[in-house]
C-alpha atoms as a PDB file:
ATOM      1  CA  MET A   1       9.046  13.264  23.930  1.00  0.00           C
ATOM      2  CA  ARG A   2       8.389  16.777  25.097  1.00  0.00           C
ATOM      3  CA  ASP A   3      11.903  18.203  25.215  1.00  0.00           C
ATOM      4  CA  GLY A   4      11.170  21.198  22.968  1.00  0.00           C
ATOM      5  CA  ARG A   5      13.355  19.815  20.164  1.00  0.00           C
ATOM      6  CA  THR A   6      11.397  16.766  19.117  1.00  0.00           C
ATOM      7  CA  ARG A   7       8.611  17.089  16.574  1.00  0.00           C
ATOM      8  CA  ARG A   8       5.815  14.555  17.023  1.00  0.00           C
ATOM      9  CA  VAL A   9       4.989  12.811  13.745  1.00  0.00           C
ATOM     10  CA  THR A  10       1.895  10.660  13.384  1.00  0.00           C
ATOM     11  CA  ALA A  11       1.651   7.545  11.232  1.00  0.00           C
ATOM     12  CA  LYS A  12      -0.907   9.408   9.085  1.00  0.00           C
ATOM     13  CA  GLN A  13       1.614  12.182   8.384  1.00  0.00           C
ATOM     14  CA  CYS A  14       4.239   9.607   7.366  1.00  0.00           C
ATOM     15  CA  GLY A  15       1.764   8.040   4.949  1.00  0.00           C
ATOM     16  CA  GLU A  16       0.935  11.438   3.483  1.00  0.00           C
ATOM     17  CA  ASP A  17       4.674  12.110   3.089  1.00  0.00           C
ATOM     18  CA  PHE A  18       4.952   8.843   1.132  1.00  0.00           C
ATOM     19  CA  LEU A  19       2.247  10.063  -1.280  1.00  0.00           C
ATOM     20  CA  LYS A  20       3.995  13.421  -1.741  1.00  0.00           C
ATOM     21  CA  ALA A  21       7.264  11.706  -2.656  1.00  0.00           C
ATOM     22  CA  HIS A  22       6.017   8.671  -4.610  1.00  0.00           C
ATOM     23  CA  ARG A  23       3.551   7.646  -7.267  1.00  0.00           C
ATOM     24  CA  ALA A  24       2.052   4.217  -6.589  1.00  0.00           C
ATOM     25  CA  ALA A  25      -0.176   2.225  -8.926  1.00  0.00           C
ATOM     26  CA  LEU A  26      -1.599  -1.209  -9.652  1.00  0.00           C
ATOM     27  CA  THR A  27      -1.195  -2.397 -13.252  1.00  0.00           C
ATOM     28  CA  VAL A  28      -3.524  -5.177 -14.400  1.00  0.00           C
ATOM     29  CA  LEU A  29      -1.474  -7.923 -16.082  1.00  0.00           C
ATOM     30  CA  SER A  30      -4.215 -10.472 -16.845  1.00  0.00           C
ATOM     31  CA  GLY A  31      -7.962 -10.736 -17.108  1.00  0.00           C
ATOM     32  CA  PRO A  32     -10.497  -8.572 -18.905  1.00  0.00           C
ATOM     33  CA  ALA A  33      -8.869  -5.286 -17.794  1.00  0.00           C
ATOM     34  CA  ALA A  34      -5.278  -6.257 -18.766  1.00  0.00           C
ATOM     35  CA  GLY A  35      -3.225  -3.150 -19.492  1.00  0.00           C
ATOM     36  CA  SER A  36      -5.265  -0.904 -17.190  1.00  0.00           C
ATOM     37  CA  GLU A  37      -3.473   1.053 -14.486  1.00  0.00           C
ATOM     38  CA  TYR A  38      -5.052   2.280 -11.267  1.00  0.00           C
ATOM     39  CA  GLU A  39      -3.176   5.083  -9.508  1.00  0.00           C
ATOM     40  CA  LEU A  40      -3.240   4.839  -5.714  1.00  0.00           C
ATOM     41  CA  GLY A  41      -3.662   8.466  -4.697  1.00  0.00           C
ATOM     42  CA  ALA A  42      -5.947   7.986  -1.709  1.00  0.00           C
ATOM     43  CA  THR A  43      -5.147   6.415   1.637  1.00  0.00           C
ATOM     44  CA  ARG A  44      -7.604   3.554   1.034  1.00  0.00           C
ATOM     45  CA  ALA A  45      -9.036   1.799  -2.030  1.00  0.00           C
ATOM     46  CA  VAL A  46     -11.308  -1.243  -2.177  1.00  0.00           C
ATOM     47  CA  ILE A  47     -10.820  -3.710  -5.042  1.00  0.00           C
ATOM     48  CA  GLY A  48     -13.732  -5.823  -6.222  1.00  0.00           C
ATOM     49  CA  ARG A  49     -16.503  -6.500  -8.695  1.00  0.00           C
ATOM     50  CA  SER A  50     -19.142  -4.206  -7.148  1.00  0.00           C
ATOM     51  CA  ALA A  51     -20.051  -0.877  -8.735  1.00  0.00           C
ATOM     52  CA  LYS A  52     -19.371   0.731  -5.324  1.00  0.00           C
ATOM     53  CA  VAL A  53     -15.630  -0.089  -5.078  1.00  0.00           C
ATOM     54  CA  SER A  54     -12.690   2.180  -5.915  1.00  0.00           C
ATOM     55  CA  ILE A  55     -10.982  -0.313  -8.250  1.00  0.00           C
ATOM     56  CA  ARG A  56     -13.516  -2.348 -10.189  1.00  0.00           C
ATOM     57  CA  ILE A  57     -12.454  -5.627 -11.812  1.00  0.00           C
ATOM     58  CA  GLU A  58     -15.212  -7.416 -13.673  1.00  0.00           C
ATOM     59  CA  ASP A  59     -14.148 -11.041 -13.380  1.00  0.00           C
ATOM     60  CA  ALA A  60     -16.118 -13.963 -11.918  1.00  0.00           C
ATOM     61  CA  SER A  61     -13.187 -14.948  -9.646  1.00  0.00           C
ATOM     62  CA  VAL A  62     -13.226 -11.517  -7.959  1.00  0.00           C
ATOM     63  CA  SER A  63     -15.576 -10.990  -4.990  1.00  0.00           C
ATOM     64  CA  HIS A  64     -17.815  -7.915  -4.795  1.00  0.00           C
ATOM     65  CA  GLU A  65     -15.499  -6.406  -2.138  1.00  0.00           C
ATOM     66  CA  HIS A  66     -12.417  -8.583  -2.492  1.00  0.00           C
ATOM     67  CA  ALA A  67      -9.493  -6.679  -0.963  1.00  0.00           C
ATOM     68  CA  CYS A  68      -8.463  -3.321   0.428  1.00  0.00           C
ATOM     69  CA  ILE A  69      -5.307  -1.366  -0.391  1.00  0.00           C
ATOM     70  CA  GLU A  70      -4.340   0.871   2.542  1.00  0.00           C
ATOM     71  CA  LEU A  71      -1.600   3.435   2.997  1.00  0.00           C
ATOM     72  CA  GLY A  72       0.707   2.736   5.916  1.00  0.00           C
ATOM     73  CA  VAL A  73       3.804   4.459   7.251  1.00  0.00           C
ATOM     74  CA  ALA A  74       6.201   3.247   4.543  1.00  0.00           C
ATOM     75  CA  GLY A  75       3.819   2.627   1.639  1.00  0.00           C
ATOM     76  CA  PHE A  76       0.785   0.603   0.711  1.00  0.00           C
ATOM     77  CA  GLY A  77      -0.373  -2.749   1.991  1.00  0.00           C
ATOM     78  CA  ILE A  78      -3.150  -5.119   0.963  1.00  0.00           C
ATOM     79  CA  ARG A  79      -5.761  -6.872   3.106  1.00  0.00           C
ATOM     80  CA  ASP A  80      -8.194  -9.615   2.084  1.00  0.00           C
ATOM     81  CA  LEU A  81     -11.780  -8.644   2.926  1.00  0.00           C
ATOM     82  CA  GLY A  82     -12.971 -12.231   3.349  1.00  0.00           C
ATOM     83  CA  SER A  83     -13.038 -12.990  -0.371  1.00  0.00           C
ATOM     84  CA  THR A  84     -13.986 -16.388  -1.763  1.00  0.00           C
ATOM     85  CA  ASN A  85     -10.855 -16.883  -3.896  1.00  0.00           C
ATOM     86  CA  GLY A  86      -8.306 -15.104  -1.726  1.00  0.00           C
ATOM     87  CA  VAL A  87      -5.408 -12.727  -2.244  1.00  0.00           C
ATOM     88  CA  ARG A  88      -1.900 -13.857  -3.189  1.00  0.00           C
ATOM     89  CA  VAL A  89       1.248 -11.751  -3.133  1.00  0.00           C
ATOM     90  CA  ASN A  90       4.156 -13.199  -5.118  1.00  0.00           C
ATOM     91  CA  GLY A  91       2.403 -16.578  -5.109  1.00  0.00           C
ATOM     92  CA  ALA A  92       1.737 -16.807  -1.351  1.00  0.00           C
ATOM     93  CA  ARG A  93      -1.832 -16.578  -0.071  1.00  0.00           C
ATOM     94  CA  VAL A  94      -2.091 -13.752   2.482  1.00  0.00           C
ATOM     95  CA  ALA A  95      -4.665 -12.232   4.807  1.00  0.00           C
ATOM     96  CA  GLY A  96      -2.659  -9.012   4.688  1.00  0.00           C
ATOM     97  CA  ALA A  97       0.783  -7.912   3.524  1.00  0.00           C
ATOM     98  CA  ALA A  98       2.935  -4.839   2.962  1.00  0.00           C
ATOM     99  CA  LEU A  99       3.556  -4.255  -0.734  1.00  0.00           C
ATOM    100  CA  GLU A 100       6.912  -3.528  -2.348  1.00  0.00           C
ATOM    101  CA  HIS A 101       7.705  -2.273  -5.841  1.00  0.00           C
ATOM    102  CA  GLY A 102       7.308  -5.060  -8.384  1.00  0.00           C
ATOM    103  CA  ASP A 103       5.142  -7.338  -6.228  1.00  0.00           C
ATOM    104  CA  ARG A 104       2.706  -9.525  -8.169  1.00  0.00           C
ATOM    105  CA  VAL A 105      -0.755  -9.542  -6.605  1.00  0.00           C
ATOM    106  CA  HIS A 106      -3.503 -12.014  -7.508  1.00  0.00           C
ATOM    107  CA  ILE A 107      -7.076 -10.966  -6.790  1.00  0.00           C
ATOM    108  CA  GLY A 108      -8.906 -14.198  -7.546  1.00  0.00           C
ATOM    109  CA  SER A 109      -7.428 -15.234 -10.903  1.00  0.00           C
ATOM    110  CA  VAL A 110      -6.584 -11.668 -12.002  1.00  0.00           C
ATOM    111  CA  GLU A 111      -2.897 -10.726 -11.769  1.00  0.00           C
ATOM    112  CA  LEU A 112      -1.784  -7.181 -10.977  1.00  0.00           C
ATOM    113  CA  GLN A 113       1.605  -5.621 -10.340  1.00  0.00           C
ATOM    114  CA  TYR A 114       2.323  -3.008  -7.670  1.00  0.00           C
ATOM    115  CA  VAL A 115       4.546  -0.232  -9.030  1.00  0.00           C
ATOM    116  CA  VAL A 116       6.137   2.623  -7.067  1.00  0.00           C
ATOM    117  CA  GLU A 117       8.034   5.516  -8.629  1.00  0.00           C
ATOM    118  CA  GLU A 118       9.768   8.413  -6.920  1.00  0.00           C
ATOM    119  CA  ILE A 119       8.337  11.772  -7.942  1.00  0.00           C
ATOM    120  CA  ALA A 120      11.086  13.916  -9.489  1.00  0.00           C
ATOM    121  CA  GLY A 121      12.122  16.810  -7.277  1.00  0.00           C
ATOM    122  CA  SER A 122      10.395  15.415  -4.202  1.00  0.00           C
ATOM    123  CA  GLY A 123      13.624  15.019  -2.264  1.00  0.00           C
ATOM    124  CA  ALA A 124      12.834  11.368  -1.570  1.00  0.00           C
ATOM    125  CA  GLY A 125      16.232  10.229  -2.765  1.00  0.00           C
ATOM    126  CA  GLY A 126      17.706  10.334   0.740  1.00  0.00           C
ATOM    127  CA  ARG A 127      18.033   7.511   3.207  1.00  0.00           C
ATOM    128  CA  VAL A 128      14.919   5.378   3.632  1.00  0.00           C
ATOM    129  CA  TRP A 129      14.082   3.743   6.939  1.00  0.00           C
ATOM    130  CA  ASP A 130      11.835   0.692   7.090  1.00  0.00           C
ATOM    131  CA  LEU A 131       9.607   1.480  10.040  1.00  0.00           C
ATOM    132  CA  GLY A 132       7.641  -1.759   9.715  1.00  0.00           C
ATOM    133  CA  ASP A 133       4.096  -2.050  10.983  1.00  0.00           C
ATOM    134  CA  LEU A 134       3.693   0.594  13.674  1.00  0.00           C
ATOM    135  CA  SER A 135       0.506   0.298  15.660  1.00  0.00           C
ATOM    136  CA  ASP A 136       0.649   3.605  17.485  1.00  0.00           C
ATOM    137  CA  VAL A 137       2.490   6.888  17.713  1.00  0.00           C
ATOM    138  CA  ALA A 138       4.646   5.739  20.648  1.00  0.00           C
ATOM    139  CA  ASP A 139       6.043   2.940  18.484  1.00  0.00           C
ATOM    140  CA  LEU A 140       6.653   5.472  15.715  1.00  0.00           C
ATOM    141  CA  ASP A 141       8.551   7.775  18.095  1.00  0.00           C
ATOM    142  CA  ASP A 142      10.751   4.861  19.226  1.00  0.00           C
ATOM    143  CA  ALA A 143      11.438   3.817  15.623  1.00  0.00           C
ATOM    144  CA  LEU A 144      12.335   7.381  14.615  1.00  0.00           C
ATOM    145  CA  ASP A 145      14.671   7.751  17.614  1.00  0.00           C
ATOM    146  CA  THR A 146      16.392   4.476  16.669  1.00  0.00           C
ATOM    147  CA  ALA A 147      16.729   5.620  13.051  1.00  0.00           C
ATOM    148  CA  ARG A 148      18.274   8.942  14.110  1.00  0.00           C
ATOM    149  CA  ARG A 149      20.897   7.171  16.224  1.00  0.00           C
ATOM    150  CA  ALA A 150      21.909   4.806  13.373  1.00  0.00           C
END
């Protein structure tokens, strides 16, 4: 809208706002790296066995470039990159899925847990709107207008 009162917000800005207000991480629960924690501070991280990935898990069941964690409007999601042994979220095999605090993620046979914490003093304690999967800015504008009217 171009009414002089509406501020246009892009999906990228919403994702960056999520990172300012939250700390997100993957904690390894099983496998050779059990106990390790990988903070998700970038908008994209590739998980795999290759030396070139962001999150390296040295396990035979993990493909070289197994999955990708990507920042969306309301938090992180995971996408299988065509791995041999697949990605499961809370036991269900997925090609891609939005992640929520506490979700259990299997990369091959390695189990991880997605953890999100609010950063103290960030002001994120207000009302949270689930904007779902928004494919473009027009959808985001519509979702924000709907949220404002609620």
